[in-house]
Amino acid sequence: MTNIKLYLDEDVEVFLADAVRRRGYEANTTRDCGNLGATDLVQVAFALQNGATILTHNVQDFPRLHYEIMRRNMHHSGFLIAKKESPTVILRRLLKLLTERTAEDMQDMLEYLSNWPAD
């Protein structure tokens, strides 16, 4: 079982990548990877190629992309949708998920971070 590797899209606070790294998890941002301004499909392809789960605030497009990818019998490395709230709350929810799920669990999954407790 492999730890989830995170790929934060450009709308997510860079602070979260740093905080996750300090706790021993792998996390990259679109800025780290030179992908600022890339389309969602390019981001999805990059994440899949690198075995990374995307963390995004984009509740409009990523659920739709998930179902479109599944309908085409294609794959992605997982989408985590986080509503915009305090970065500290997002971090708490994210750390809970990271301790309970693996990269294998996230394969082709659409997960809403709000379903994870922040305590």
PDB file of N, CA and C in Angstrom:
ATOM      1  N   MET A   1       0.848  -1.192   0.000  1.00  0.00           N
ATOM      2  CA  MET A   1       0.000   0.000   0.000  1.00  0.00           C
ATOM      3  C   MET A   1       0.884   1.242   0.000  1.00  0.00           C
ATOM      4  N   THR A   2       0.527   2.167  -0.838  1.00  0.00           N
ATOM      5  CA  THR A   2       1.334   3.360  -1.060  1.00  0.00           C
ATOM      6  C   THR A   2       0.616   4.591  -0.520  1.00  0.00           C
ATOM      7  N   ASN A   3       1.378   5.487   0.111  1.00  0.00           N
ATOM      8  CA  ASN A   3       0.799   6.754   0.546  1.00  0.00           C
ATOM      9  C   ASN A   3       0.324   7.555  -0.656  1.00  0.00           C
ATOM     10  N   ILE A   4      -0.709   8.322  -0.444  1.00  0.00           N
ATOM     11  CA  ILE A   4      -1.217   9.213  -1.474  1.00  0.00           C
ATOM     12  C   ILE A   4      -0.185  10.309  -1.732  1.00  0.00           C
ATOM     13  N   LYS A   5       0.087  10.539  -3.000  1.00  0.00           N
ATOM     14  CA  LYS A   5       0.932  11.647  -3.440  1.00  0.00           C
ATOM     15  C   LYS A   5      -0.025  12.727  -3.930  1.00  0.00           C
ATOM     16  N   LEU A   6       0.092  13.918  -3.388  1.00  0.00           N
ATOM     17  CA  LEU A   6      -0.835  14.992  -3.733  1.00  0.00           C
ATOM     18  C   LEU A   6      -0.279  15.921  -4.805  1.00  0.00           C
ATOM     19  N   TYR A   7      -1.181  16.397  -5.619  1.00  0.00           N
ATOM     20  CA  TYR A   7      -0.876  17.417  -6.627  1.00  0.00           C
ATOM     21  C   TYR A   7      -1.930  18.505  -6.465  1.00  0.00           C
ATOM     22  N   LEU A   8      -1.527  19.654  -5.941  1.00  0.00           N
ATOM     23  CA  LEU A   8      -2.451  20.747  -5.661  1.00  0.00           C
ATOM     24  C   LEU A   8      -2.582  21.653  -6.874  1.00  0.00           C
ATOM     25  N   ASP A   9      -3.819  21.879  -7.301  1.00  0.00           N
ATOM     26  CA  ASP A   9      -3.997  22.770  -8.442  1.00  0.00           C
ATOM     27  C   ASP A   9      -3.765  24.207  -7.996  1.00  0.00           C
ATOM     28  N   GLU A  10      -3.759  25.125  -8.951  1.00  0.00           N
ATOM     29  CA  GLU A  10      -3.296  26.471  -8.643  1.00  0.00           C
ATOM     30  C   GLU A  10      -4.239  27.284  -7.767  1.00  0.00           C
ATOM     31  N   ASP A  11      -5.451  26.805  -7.511  1.00  0.00           N
ATOM     32  CA  ASP A  11      -6.375  27.518  -6.631  1.00  0.00           C
ATOM     33  C   ASP A  11      -6.171  27.175  -5.158  1.00  0.00           C
ATOM     34  N   VAL A  12      -5.423  26.125  -4.882  1.00  0.00           N
ATOM     35  CA  VAL A  12      -5.238  25.657  -3.504  1.00  0.00           C
ATOM     36  C   VAL A  12      -4.020  26.334  -2.893  1.00  0.00           C
ATOM     37  N   GLU A  13      -4.149  26.724  -1.629  1.00  0.00           N
ATOM     38  CA  GLU A  13      -3.071  27.396  -0.904  1.00  0.00           C
ATOM     39  C   GLU A  13      -1.787  26.561  -0.921  1.00  0.00           C
ATOM     40  N   VAL A  14      -0.684  27.178  -1.322  1.00  0.00           N
ATOM     41  CA  VAL A  14       0.621  26.509  -1.334  1.00  0.00           C
ATOM     42  C   VAL A  14       0.999  26.066   0.080  1.00  0.00           C
ATOM     43  N   PHE A  15       0.530  26.799   1.078  1.00  0.00           N
ATOM     44  CA  PHE A  15       0.762  26.455   2.479  1.00  0.00           C
ATOM     45  C   PHE A  15       0.415  24.993   2.760  1.00  0.00           C
ATOM     46  N   LEU A  16      -0.637  24.502   2.126  1.00  0.00           N
ATOM     47  CA  LEU A  16      -1.072  23.131   2.373  1.00  0.00           C
ATOM     48  C   LEU A  16      -0.040  22.111   1.903  1.00  0.00           C
ATOM     49  N   ALA A  17       0.593  22.355   0.775  1.00  0.00           N
ATOM     50  CA  ALA A  17       1.640  21.440   0.291  1.00  0.00           C
ATOM     51  C   ALA A  17       2.794  21.408   1.281  1.00  0.00           C
ATOM     52  N   ASP A  18       3.202  22.577   1.754  1.00  0.00           N
ATOM     53  CA  ASP A  18       4.298  22.639   2.724  1.00  0.00           C
ATOM     54  C   ASP A  18       3.929  21.914   4.018  1.00  0.00           C
ATOM     55  N   ALA A  19       2.721  22.137   4.495  1.00  0.00           N
ATOM     56  CA  ALA A  19       2.276  21.516   5.749  1.00  0.00           C
ATOM     57  C   ALA A  19       2.202  19.997   5.624  1.00  0.00           C
ATOM     58  N   VAL A  20       1.743  19.513   4.486  1.00  0.00           N
ATOM     59  CA  VAL A  20       1.649  18.069   4.249  1.00  0.00           C
ATOM     60  C   VAL A  20       3.049  17.462   4.156  1.00  0.00           C
ATOM     61  N   ARG A  21       3.951  18.155   3.473  1.00  0.00           N
ATOM     62  CA  ARG A  21       5.336  17.667   3.360  1.00  0.00           C
ATOM     63  C   ARG A  21       5.999  17.552   4.729  1.00  0.00           C
ATOM     64  N   ARG A  22       5.765  18.536   5.590  1.00  0.00           N
ATOM     65  CA  ARG A  22       6.356  18.508   6.937  1.00  0.00           C
ATOM     66  C   ARG A  22       5.886  17.296   7.741  1.00  0.00           C
ATOM     67  N   ARG A  23       4.771  16.730   7.345  1.00  0.00           N
ATOM     68  CA  ARG A  23       4.241  15.553   8.035  1.00  0.00           C
ATOM     69  C   ARG A  23       4.606  14.253   7.322  1.00  0.00           C
ATOM     70  N   GLY A  24       5.498  14.342   6.353  1.00  0.00           N
ATOM     71  CA  GLY A  24       6.045  13.155   5.729  1.00  0.00           C
ATOM     72  C   GLY A  24       5.350  12.665   4.473  1.00  0.00           C
ATOM     73  N   TYR A  25       4.399  13.430   3.976  1.00  0.00           N
ATOM     74  CA  TYR A  25       3.701  13.044   2.749  1.00  0.00           C
ATOM     75  C   TYR A  25       4.281  13.807   1.560  1.00  0.00           C
ATOM     76  N   GLU A  26       4.108  13.260   0.380  1.00  0.00           N
ATOM     77  CA  GLU A  26       4.580  13.914  -0.830  1.00  0.00           C
ATOM     78  C   GLU A  26       3.481  14.808  -1.380  1.00  0.00           C
ATOM     79  N   ALA A  27       3.848  16.042  -1.690  1.00  0.00           N
ATOM     80  CA  ALA A  27       2.884  16.992  -2.242  1.00  0.00           C
ATOM     81  C   ALA A  27       3.606  17.957  -3.166  1.00  0.00           C
ATOM     82  N   ASN A  28       3.028  18.185  -4.326  1.00  0.00           N
ATOM     83  CA  ASN A  28       3.530  19.156  -5.286  1.00  0.00           C
ATOM     84  C   ASN A  28       2.397  20.080  -5.682  1.00  0.00           C
ATOM     85  N   THR A  29       2.769  21.233  -6.169  1.00  0.00           N
ATOM     86  CA  THR A  29       1.787  22.202  -6.646  1.00  0.00           C
ATOM     87  C   THR A  29       1.985  22.415  -8.143  1.00  0.00           C
ATOM     88  N   THR A  30       0.998  23.024  -8.756  1.00  0.00           N
ATOM     89  CA  THR A  30       1.145  23.344 -10.175  1.00  0.00           C
ATOM     90  C   THR A  30       2.346  24.258 -10.379  1.00  0.00           C
ATOM     91  N   ARG A  31       2.610  25.131  -9.418  1.00  0.00           N
ATOM     92  CA  ARG A  31       3.769  26.025  -9.516  1.00  0.00           C
ATOM     93  C   ARG A  31       5.059  25.213  -9.451  1.00  0.00           C
ATOM     94  N   ASP A  32       5.143  24.272  -8.492  1.00  0.00           N
ATOM     95  CA  ASP A  32       6.338  23.416  -8.364  1.00  0.00           C
ATOM     96  C   ASP A  32       6.661  22.711  -9.674  1.00  0.00           C
ATOM     97  N   CYS A  33       5.619  22.293 -10.367  1.00  0.00           N
ATOM     98  CA  CYS A  33       5.773  21.450 -11.557  1.00  0.00           C
ATOM     99  C   CYS A  33       5.768  22.234 -12.858  1.00  0.00           C
ATOM    100  N   GLY A  34       5.691  23.559 -12.781  1.00  0.00           N
ATOM    101  CA  GLY A  34       5.704  24.384 -13.976  1.00  0.00           C
ATOM    102  C   GLY A  34       4.434  24.295 -14.803  1.00  0.00           C
ATOM    103  N   ASN A  35       3.310  24.023 -14.132  1.00  0.00           N
ATOM    104  CA  ASN A  35       2.051  23.837 -14.855  1.00  0.00           C
ATOM    105  C   ASN A  35       1.017  24.942 -14.612  1.00  0.00           C
ATOM    106  N   LEU A  36       1.462  26.095 -14.122  1.00  0.00           N
ATOM    107  CA  LEU A  36       0.513  27.192 -13.917  1.00  0.00           C
ATOM    108  C   LEU A  36      -0.159  27.540 -15.235  1.00  0.00           C
ATOM    109  N   GLY A  37      -1.470  27.698 -15.208  1.00  0.00           N
ATOM    110  CA  GLY A  37      -2.229  28.082 -16.396  1.00  0.00           C
ATOM    111  C   GLY A  37      -2.601  26.935 -17.317  1.00  0.00           C
ATOM    112  N   ALA A  38      -2.151  25.724 -17.000  1.00  0.00           N
ATOM    113  CA  ALA A  38      -2.500  24.571 -17.845  1.00  0.00           C
ATOM    114  C   ALA A  38      -3.985  24.251 -17.687  1.00  0.00           C
ATOM    115  N   THR A  39      -4.576  23.668 -18.712  1.00  0.00           N
ATOM    116  CA  THR A  39      -5.997  23.298 -18.660  1.00  0.00           C
ATOM    117  C   THR A  39      -6.204  22.167 -17.650  1.00  0.00           C
ATOM    118  N   ASP A  40      -7.458  21.983 -17.267  1.00  0.00           N
ATOM    119  CA  ASP A  40      -7.784  20.895 -16.340  1.00  0.00           C
ATOM    120  C   ASP A  40      -7.372  19.540 -16.916  1.00  0.00           C
ATOM    121  N   LEU A  41      -7.609  19.329 -18.195  1.00  0.00           N
ATOM    122  CA  LEU A  41      -7.254  18.044 -18.808  1.00  0.00           C
ATOM    123  C   LEU A  41      -5.747  17.803 -18.796  1.00  0.00           C
ATOM    124  N   VAL A  42      -4.974  18.847 -19.005  1.00  0.00           N
ATOM    125  CA  VAL A  42      -3.516  18.724 -18.926  1.00  0.00           C
ATOM    126  C   VAL A  42      -3.106  18.395 -17.492  1.00  0.00           C
ATOM    127  N   GLN A  43      -3.754  19.036 -16.527  1.00  0.00           N
ATOM    128  CA  GLN A  43      -3.448  18.766 -15.112  1.00  0.00           C
ATOM    129  C   GLN A  43      -3.775  17.308 -14.760  1.00  0.00           C
ATOM    130  N   VAL A  44      -4.901  16.825 -15.240  1.00  0.00           N
ATOM    131  CA  VAL A  44      -5.321  15.443 -14.969  1.00  0.00           C
ATOM    132  C   VAL A  44      -4.320  14.466 -15.582  1.00  0.00           C
ATOM    133  N   ALA A  45      -3.910  14.728 -16.814  1.00  0.00           N
ATOM    134  CA  ALA A  45      -2.936  13.850 -17.477  1.00  0.00           C
ATOM    135  C   ALA A  45      -1.602  13.873 -16.745  1.00  0.00           C
ATOM    136  N   PHE A  46      -1.172  15.049 -16.311  1.00  0.00           N
ATOM    137  CA  PHE A  46       0.091  15.164 -15.570  1.00  0.00           C
ATOM    138  C   PHE A  46       0.015  14.382 -14.261  1.00  0.00           C
ATOM    139  N   ALA A  47      -1.085  14.552 -13.535  1.00  0.00           N
ATOM    140  CA  ALA A  47      -1.252  13.852 -12.258  1.00  0.00           C
ATOM    141  C   ALA A  47      -1.268  12.339 -12.465  1.00  0.00           C
ATOM    142  N   LEU A  48      -1.968  11.877 -13.479  1.00  0.00           N
ATOM    143  CA  LEU A  48      -2.027  10.446 -13.762  1.00  0.00           C
ATOM    144  C   LEU A  48      -0.633   9.911 -14.089  1.00  0.00           C
ATOM    145  N   GLN A  49       0.089  10.612 -14.923  1.00  0.00           N
ATOM    146  CA  GLN A  49       1.441  10.191 -15.302  1.00  0.00           C
ATOM    147  C   GLN A  49       2.356  10.100 -14.079  1.00  0.00           C
ATOM    148  N   ASN A  50       2.111  10.946 -13.074  1.00  0.00           N
ATOM    149  CA  ASN A  50       2.950  10.988 -11.887  1.00  0.00           C
ATOM    150  C   ASN A  50       2.340  10.268 -10.688  1.00  0.00           C
ATOM    151  N   GLY A  51       1.206   9.607 -10.898  1.00  0.00           N
ATOM    152  CA  GLY A  51       0.566   8.852  -9.824  1.00  0.00           C
ATOM    153  C   GLY A  51       0.099   9.709  -8.665  1.00  0.00           C
ATOM    154  N   ALA A  52      -0.354  10.920  -8.973  1.00  0.00           N
ATOM    155  CA  ALA A  52      -0.745  11.864  -7.932  1.00  0.00           C
ATOM    156  C   ALA A  52      -2.246  12.131  -7.942  1.00  0.00           C
ATOM    157  N   THR A  53      -2.792  12.271  -6.751  1.00  0.00           N
ATOM    158  CA  THR A  53      -4.190  12.645  -6.563  1.00  0.00           C
ATOM    159  C   THR A  53      -4.286  14.166  -6.574  1.00  0.00           C
ATOM    160  N   ILE A  54      -5.221  14.698  -7.343  1.00  0.00           N
ATOM    161  CA  ILE A  54      -5.390  16.152  -7.450  1.00  0.00           C
ATOM    162  C   ILE A  54      -6.251  16.661  -6.295  1.00  0.00           C
ATOM    163  N   LEU A  55      -5.754  17.701  -5.619  1.00  0.00           N
ATOM    164  CA  LEU A  55      -6.534  18.435  -4.630  1.00  0.00           C
ATOM    165  C   LEU A  55      -6.925  19.754  -5.277  1.00  0.00           C
ATOM    166  N   THR A  56      -8.223  20.021  -5.318  1.00  0.00           N
ATOM    167  CA  THR A  56      -8.726  21.215  -6.003  1.00  0.00           C
ATOM    168  C   THR A  56      -9.917  21.814  -5.260  1.00  0.00           C
ATOM    169  N   HIS A  57     -10.143  23.092  -5.511  1.00  0.00           N
ATOM    170  CA  HIS A  57     -11.367  23.764  -5.055  1.00  0.00           C
ATOM    171  C   HIS A  57     -12.394  23.814  -6.187  1.00  0.00           C
ATOM    172  N   ASN A  58     -12.051  23.296  -7.330  1.00  0.00           N
ATOM    173  CA  ASN A  58     -12.876  23.420  -8.528  1.00  0.00           C
ATOM    174  C   ASN A  58     -14.030  22.399  -8.521  1.00  0.00           C
ATOM    175  N   VAL A  59     -15.059  22.745  -7.771  1.00  0.00           N
ATOM    176  CA  VAL A  59     -16.229  21.867  -7.629  1.00  0.00           C
ATOM    177  C   VAL A  59     -17.081  21.851  -8.894  1.00  0.00           C
ATOM    178  N   GLN A  60     -16.864  22.810  -9.772  1.00  0.00           N
ATOM    179  CA  GLN A  60     -17.645  22.867 -11.004  1.00  0.00           C
ATOM    180  C   GLN A  60     -17.161  21.857 -12.043  1.00  0.00           C
ATOM    181  N   ASP A  61     -15.855  21.808 -12.253  1.00  0.00           N
ATOM    182  CA  ASP A  61     -15.319  21.046 -13.372  1.00  0.00           C
ATOM    183  C   ASP A  61     -14.826  19.636 -13.026  1.00  0.00           C
ATOM    184  N   PHE A  62     -14.211  19.447 -11.871  1.00  0.00           N
ATOM    185  CA  PHE A  62     -13.594  18.146 -11.611  1.00  0.00           C
ATOM    186  C   PHE A  62     -14.587  17.003 -11.392  1.00  0.00           C
ATOM    187  N   PRO A  63     -15.720  17.217 -10.758  1.00  0.00           N
ATOM    188  CA  PRO A  63     -16.698  16.121 -10.725  1.00  0.00           C
ATOM    189  C   PRO A  63     -17.162  15.732 -12.136  1.00  0.00           C
ATOM    190  N   ARG A  64     -17.401  16.727 -12.981  1.00  0.00           N
ATOM    191  CA  ARG A  64     -17.796  16.462 -14.369  1.00  0.00           C
ATOM    192  C   ARG A  64     -16.686  15.705 -15.107  1.00  0.00           C
ATOM    193  N   LEU A  65     -15.441  16.129 -14.915  1.00  0.00           N
ATOM    194  CA  LEU A  65     -14.315  15.431 -15.536  1.00  0.00           C
ATOM    195  C   LEU A  65     -14.227  13.985 -15.066  1.00  0.00           C
ATOM    196  N   HIS A  66     -14.439  13.774 -13.778  1.00  0.00           N
ATOM    197  CA  HIS A  66     -14.400  12.418 -13.233  1.00  0.00           C
ATOM    198  C   HIS A  66     -15.387  11.515 -13.975  1.00  0.00           C
ATOM    199  N   TYR A  67     -16.638  11.953 -14.071  1.00  0.00           N
ATOM    200  CA  TYR A  67     -17.660  11.119 -14.709  1.00  0.00           C
ATOM    201  C   TYR A  67     -17.408  10.957 -16.203  1.00  0.00           C
ATOM    202  N   GLU A  68     -16.876  11.984 -16.831  1.00  0.00           N
ATOM    203  CA  GLU A  68     -16.535  11.880 -18.255  1.00  0.00           C
ATOM    204  C   GLU A  68     -15.408  10.858 -18.461  1.00  0.00           C
ATOM    205  N   ILE A  69     -14.401  10.908 -17.618  1.00  0.00           N
ATOM    206  CA  ILE A  69     -13.284   9.959 -17.714  1.00  0.00           C
ATOM    207  C   ILE A  69     -13.784   8.530 -17.478  1.00  0.00           C
ATOM    208  N   MET A  70     -14.632   8.338 -16.494  1.00  0.00           N
ATOM    209  CA  MET A  70     -15.162   7.007 -16.190  1.00  0.00           C
ATOM    210  C   MET A  70     -16.022   6.488 -17.344  1.00  0.00           C
ATOM    211  N   ARG A  71     -16.832   7.378 -17.924  1.00  0.00           N
ATOM    212  CA  ARG A  71     -17.710   6.992 -19.033  1.00  0.00           C
ATOM    213  C   ARG A  71     -16.891   6.528 -20.242  1.00  0.00           C
ATOM    214  N   ARG A  72     -15.708   7.088 -20.400  1.00  0.00           N
ATOM    215  CA  ARG A  72     -14.837   6.724 -21.530  1.00  0.00           C
ATOM    216  C   ARG A  72     -13.913   5.544 -21.205  1.00  0.00           C
ATOM    217  N   ASN A  73     -14.142   4.909 -20.046  1.00  0.00           N
ATOM    218  CA  ASN A  73     -13.302   3.790 -19.603  1.00  0.00           C
ATOM    219  C   ASN A  73     -11.830   4.166 -19.539  1.00  0.00           C
ATOM    220  N   MET A  74     -11.574   5.399 -19.102  1.00  0.00           N
ATOM    221  CA  MET A  74     -10.218   5.880 -18.912  1.00  0.00           C
ATOM    222  C   MET A  74      -9.944   5.937 -17.404  1.00  0.00           C
ATOM    223  N   HIS A  75      -8.801   6.483 -17.018  1.00  0.00           N
ATOM    224  CA  HIS A  75      -8.423   6.483 -15.603  1.00  0.00           C
ATOM    225  C   HIS A  75      -7.848   7.822 -15.164  1.00  0.00           C
ATOM    226  N   HIS A  76      -7.905   8.045 -13.853  1.00  0.00           N
ATOM    227  CA  HIS A  76      -7.197   9.148 -13.209  1.00  0.00           C
ATOM    228  C   HIS A  76      -6.735   8.652 -11.842  1.00  0.00           C
ATOM    229  N   SER A  77      -5.863   9.425 -11.207  1.00  0.00           N
ATOM    230  CA  SER A  77      -5.273   9.007  -9.929  1.00  0.00           C
ATOM    231  C   SER A  77      -6.038   9.524  -8.719  1.00  0.00           C
ATOM    232  N   GLY A  78      -7.228  10.038  -8.950  1.00  0.00           N
ATOM    233  CA  GLY A  78      -8.072  10.502  -7.857  1.00  0.00           C
ATOM    234  C   GLY A  78      -8.214  12.007  -7.824  1.00  0.00           C
ATOM    235  N   PHE A  79      -9.419  12.439  -7.465  1.00  0.00           N
ATOM    236  CA  PHE A  79      -9.722  13.860  -7.305  1.00  0.00           C
ATOM    237  C   PHE A  79     -10.238  14.082  -5.890  1.00  0.00           C
ATOM    238  N   LEU A  80      -9.624  15.015  -5.179  1.00  0.00           N
ATOM    239  CA  LEU A  80     -10.102  15.462  -3.878  1.00  0.00           C
ATOM    240  C   LEU A  80     -10.656  16.867  -4.056  1.00  0.00           C
ATOM    241  N   ILE A  81     -11.940  17.025  -3.787  1.00  0.00           N
ATOM    242  CA  ILE A  81     -12.598  18.323  -3.926  1.00  0.00           C
ATOM    243  C   ILE A  81     -12.718  18.936  -2.535  1.00  0.00           C
ATOM    244  N   ALA A  82     -12.113  20.101  -2.357  1.00  0.00           N
ATOM    245  CA  ALA A  82     -12.171  20.800  -1.067  1.00  0.00           C
ATOM    246  C   ALA A  82     -12.916  22.111  -1.243  1.00  0.00           C
ATOM    247  N   LYS A  83     -13.969  22.299  -0.462  1.00  0.00           N
ATOM    248  CA  LYS A  83     -14.620  23.599  -0.530  1.00  0.00           C
ATOM    249  C   LYS A  83     -13.692  24.626   0.099  1.00  0.00           C
ATOM    250  N   LYS A  84     -13.847  25.867  -0.329  1.00  0.00           N
ATOM    251  CA  LYS A  84     -12.980  26.922   0.196  1.00  0.00           C
ATOM    252  C   LYS A  84     -13.401  27.227   1.627  1.00  0.00           C
ATOM    253  N   GLU A  85     -12.499  26.879   2.537  1.00  0.00           N
ATOM    254  CA  GLU A  85     -12.689  27.184   3.953  1.00  0.00           C
ATOM    255  C   GLU A  85     -11.315  27.431   4.538  1.00  0.00           C
ATOM    256  N   SER A  86     -11.227  27.571   5.806  1.00  0.00           N
ATOM    257  CA  SER A  86      -9.947  27.835   6.455  1.00  0.00           C
ATOM    258  C   SER A  86      -8.903  26.791   6.037  1.00  0.00           C
ATOM    259  N   PRO A  87      -7.707  27.236   5.634  1.00  0.00           N
ATOM    260  CA  PRO A  87      -6.658  26.275   5.284  1.00  0.00           C
ATOM    261  C   PRO A  87      -6.343  25.301   6.429  1.00  0.00           C
ATOM    262  N   THR A  88      -6.499  25.755   7.654  1.00  0.00           N
ATOM    263  CA  THR A  88      -6.267  24.875   8.800  1.00  0.00           C
ATOM    264  C   THR A  88      -7.293  23.753   8.841  1.00  0.00           C
ATOM    265  N   VAL A  89      -8.547  24.064   8.568  1.00  0.00           N
ATOM    266  CA  VAL A  89      -9.597  23.043   8.528  1.00  0.00           C
ATOM    267  C   VAL A  89      -9.344  22.090   7.365  1.00  0.00           C
ATOM    268  N   ILE A  90      -8.991  22.630   6.215  1.00  0.00           N
ATOM    269  CA  ILE A  90      -8.679  21.772   5.072  1.00  0.00           C
ATOM    270  C   ILE A  90      -7.522  20.841   5.417  1.00  0.00           C
ATOM    271  N   LEU A  91      -6.488  21.372   6.053  1.00  0.00           N
ATOM    272  CA  LEU A  91      -5.338  20.551   6.430  1.00  0.00           C
ATOM    273  C   LEU A  91      -5.750  19.431   7.379  1.00  0.00           C
ATOM    274  N   ARG A  92      -6.563  19.739   8.356  1.00  0.00           N
ATOM    275  CA  ARG A  92      -7.014  18.696   9.298  1.00  0.00           C
ATOM    276  C   ARG A  92      -7.786  17.597   8.572  1.00  0.00           C
ATOM    277  N   ARG A  93      -8.693  17.988   7.711  1.00  0.00           N
ATOM    278  CA  ARG A  93      -9.464  17.004   6.941  1.00  0.00           C
ATOM    279  C   ARG A  93      -8.530  16.175   6.049  1.00  0.00           C
ATOM    280  N   LEU A  94      -7.604  16.849   5.405  1.00  0.00           N
ATOM    281  CA  LEU A  94      -6.670  16.193   4.497  1.00  0.00           C
ATOM    282  C   LEU A  94      -5.791  15.190   5.229  1.00  0.00           C
ATOM    283  N   LEU A  95      -5.281  15.563   6.391  1.00  0.00           N
ATOM    284  CA  LEU A  95      -4.431  14.646   7.161  1.00  0.00           C
ATOM    285  C   LEU A  95      -5.210  13.422   7.627  1.00  0.00           C
ATOM    286  N   LYS A  96      -6.456  13.607   7.976  1.00  0.00           N
ATOM    287  CA  LYS A  96      -7.304  12.467   8.350  1.00  0.00           C
ATOM    288  C   LYS A  96      -7.423  11.502   7.170  1.00  0.00           C
ATOM    289  N   LEU A  97      -7.715  12.040   5.988  1.00  0.00           N
ATOM    290  CA  LEU A  97      -7.837  11.216   4.792  1.00  0.00           C
ATOM    291  C   LEU A  97      -6.505  10.519   4.477  1.00  0.00           C
ATOM    292  N   LEU A  98      -5.400  11.254   4.569  1.00  0.00           N
ATOM    293  CA  LEU A  98      -4.093  10.682   4.237  1.00  0.00           C
ATOM    294  C   LEU A  98      -3.692   9.539   5.156  1.00  0.00           C
ATOM    295  N   THR A  99      -4.177   9.554   6.389  1.00  0.00           N
ATOM    296  CA  THR A  99      -3.853   8.455   7.311  1.00  0.00           C
ATOM    297  C   THR A  99      -4.733   7.231   7.089  1.00  0.00           C
ATOM    298  N   GLU A 100      -5.883   7.419   6.443  1.00  0.00           N
ATOM    299  CA  GLU A 100      -6.823   6.307   6.291  1.00  0.00           C
ATOM    300  C   GLU A 100      -6.949   5.753   4.874  1.00  0.00           C
ATOM    301  N   ARG A 101      -6.478   6.487   3.873  1.00  0.00           N
ATOM    302  CA  ARG A 101      -6.590   6.040   2.489  1.00  0.00           C
ATOM    303  C   ARG A 101      -5.204   5.878   1.877  1.00  0.00           C
ATOM    304  N   THR A 102      -5.135   5.051   0.851  1.00  0.00           N
ATOM    305  CA  THR A 102      -3.884   4.840   0.129  1.00  0.00           C
ATOM    306  C   THR A 102      -4.037   5.352  -1.299  1.00  0.00           C
ATOM    307  N   ALA A 103      -2.921   5.397  -1.996  1.00  0.00           N
ATOM    308  CA  ALA A 103      -2.963   5.788  -3.412  1.00  0.00           C
ATOM    309  C   ALA A 103      -3.839   4.819  -4.194  1.00  0.00           C
ATOM    310  N   GLU A 104      -3.770   3.550  -3.840  1.00  0.00           N
ATOM    311  CA  GLU A 104      -4.597   2.540  -4.523  1.00  0.00           C
ATOM    312  C   GLU A 104      -6.084   2.789  -4.275  1.00  0.00           C
ATOM    313  N   ASP A 105      -6.428   3.211  -3.061  1.00  0.00           N
ATOM    314  CA  ASP A 105      -7.822   3.537  -2.742  1.00  0.00           C
ATOM    315  C   ASP A 105      -8.340   4.690  -3.592  1.00  0.00           C
ATOM    316  N   MET A 106      -7.460   5.626  -3.913  1.00  0.00           N
ATOM    317  CA  MET A 106      -7.873   6.844  -4.616  1.00  0.00           C
ATOM    318  C   MET A 106      -7.954   6.667  -6.127  1.00  0.00           C
ATOM    319  N   GLN A 107      -7.434   5.589  -6.646  1.00  0.00           N
ATOM    320  CA  GLN A 107      -7.463   5.369  -8.094  1.00  0.00           C
ATOM    321  C   GLN A 107      -8.893   5.481  -8.622  1.00  0.00           C
ATOM    322  N   ASP A 108      -9.108   6.400  -9.556  1.00  0.00           N
ATOM    323  CA  ASP A 108     -10.404   6.636 -10.200  1.00  0.00           C
ATOM    324  C   ASP A 108     -11.501   7.087  -9.233  1.00  0.00           C
ATOM    325  N   MET A 109     -11.116   7.618  -8.068  1.00  0.00           N
ATOM    326  CA  MET A 109     -12.100   8.047  -7.074  1.00  0.00           C
ATOM    327  C   MET A 109     -12.309   9.559  -7.111  1.00  0.00           C
ATOM    328  N   LEU A 110     -13.534   9.945  -6.833  1.00  0.00           N
ATOM    329  CA  LEU A 110     -13.914  11.336  -6.612  1.00  0.00           C
ATOM    330  C   LEU A 110     -14.286  11.423  -5.148  1.00  0.00           C
ATOM    331  N   GLU A 111     -13.554  12.203  -4.378  1.00  0.00           N
ATOM    332  CA  GLU A 111     -13.751  12.285  -2.929  1.00  0.00           C
ATOM    333  C   GLU A 111     -13.936  13.746  -2.537  1.00  0.00           C
ATOM    334  N   TYR A 112     -14.930  14.002  -1.709  1.00  0.00           N
ATOM    335  CA  TYR A 112     -15.172  15.342  -1.187  1.00  0.00           C
ATOM    336  C   TYR A 112     -14.541  15.436   0.200  1.00  0.00           C
ATOM    337  N   LEU A 113     -13.610  16.355   0.364  1.00  0.00           N
ATOM    338  CA  LEU A 113     -12.901  16.476   1.621  1.00  0.00           C
ATOM    339  C   LEU A 113     -13.840  16.856   2.769  1.00  0.00           C
ATOM    340  N   SER A 114     -14.948  17.497   2.455  1.00  0.00           N
ATOM    341  CA  SER A 114     -15.915  17.886   3.499  1.00  0.00           C
ATOM    342  C   SER A 114     -16.530  16.657   4.174  1.00  0.00           C
ATOM    343  N   ASN A 115     -16.400  15.481   3.600  1.00  0.00           N
ATOM    344  CA  ASN A 115     -16.905  14.261   4.220  1.00  0.00           C
ATOM    345  C   ASN A 115     -15.972  13.734   5.309  1.00  0.00           C
ATOM    346  N   TRP A 116     -14.810  14.361   5.474  1.00  0.00           N
ATOM    347  CA  TRP A 116     -13.824  13.920   6.453  1.00  0.00           C
ATOM    348  C   TRP A 116     -13.843  14.877   7.634  1.00  0.00           C
ATOM    349  N   PRO A 117     -13.815  14.342   8.865  1.00  0.00           N
ATOM    350  CA  PRO A 117     -13.878  15.216  10.047  1.00  0.00           C
ATOM    351  C   PRO A 117     -12.635  16.093  10.167  1.00  0.00           C
ATOM    352  N   ALA A 118     -12.839  17.287  10.679  1.00  0.00           N
ATOM    353  CA  ALA A 118     -11.735  18.230  10.859  1.00  0.00           C
ATOM    354  C   ALA A 118     -11.199  18.215  12.284  1.00  0.00           C
ATOM    355  N   ASP A 119     -11.686  17.301  13.102  1.00  0.00           N
ATOM    356  CA  ASP A 119     -11.216  17.295  14.506  1.00  0.00           C
ATOM    357  C   ASP A 119     -10.039  16.407  14.722  1.00  0.00           C
TER     358      ASP A 119
END
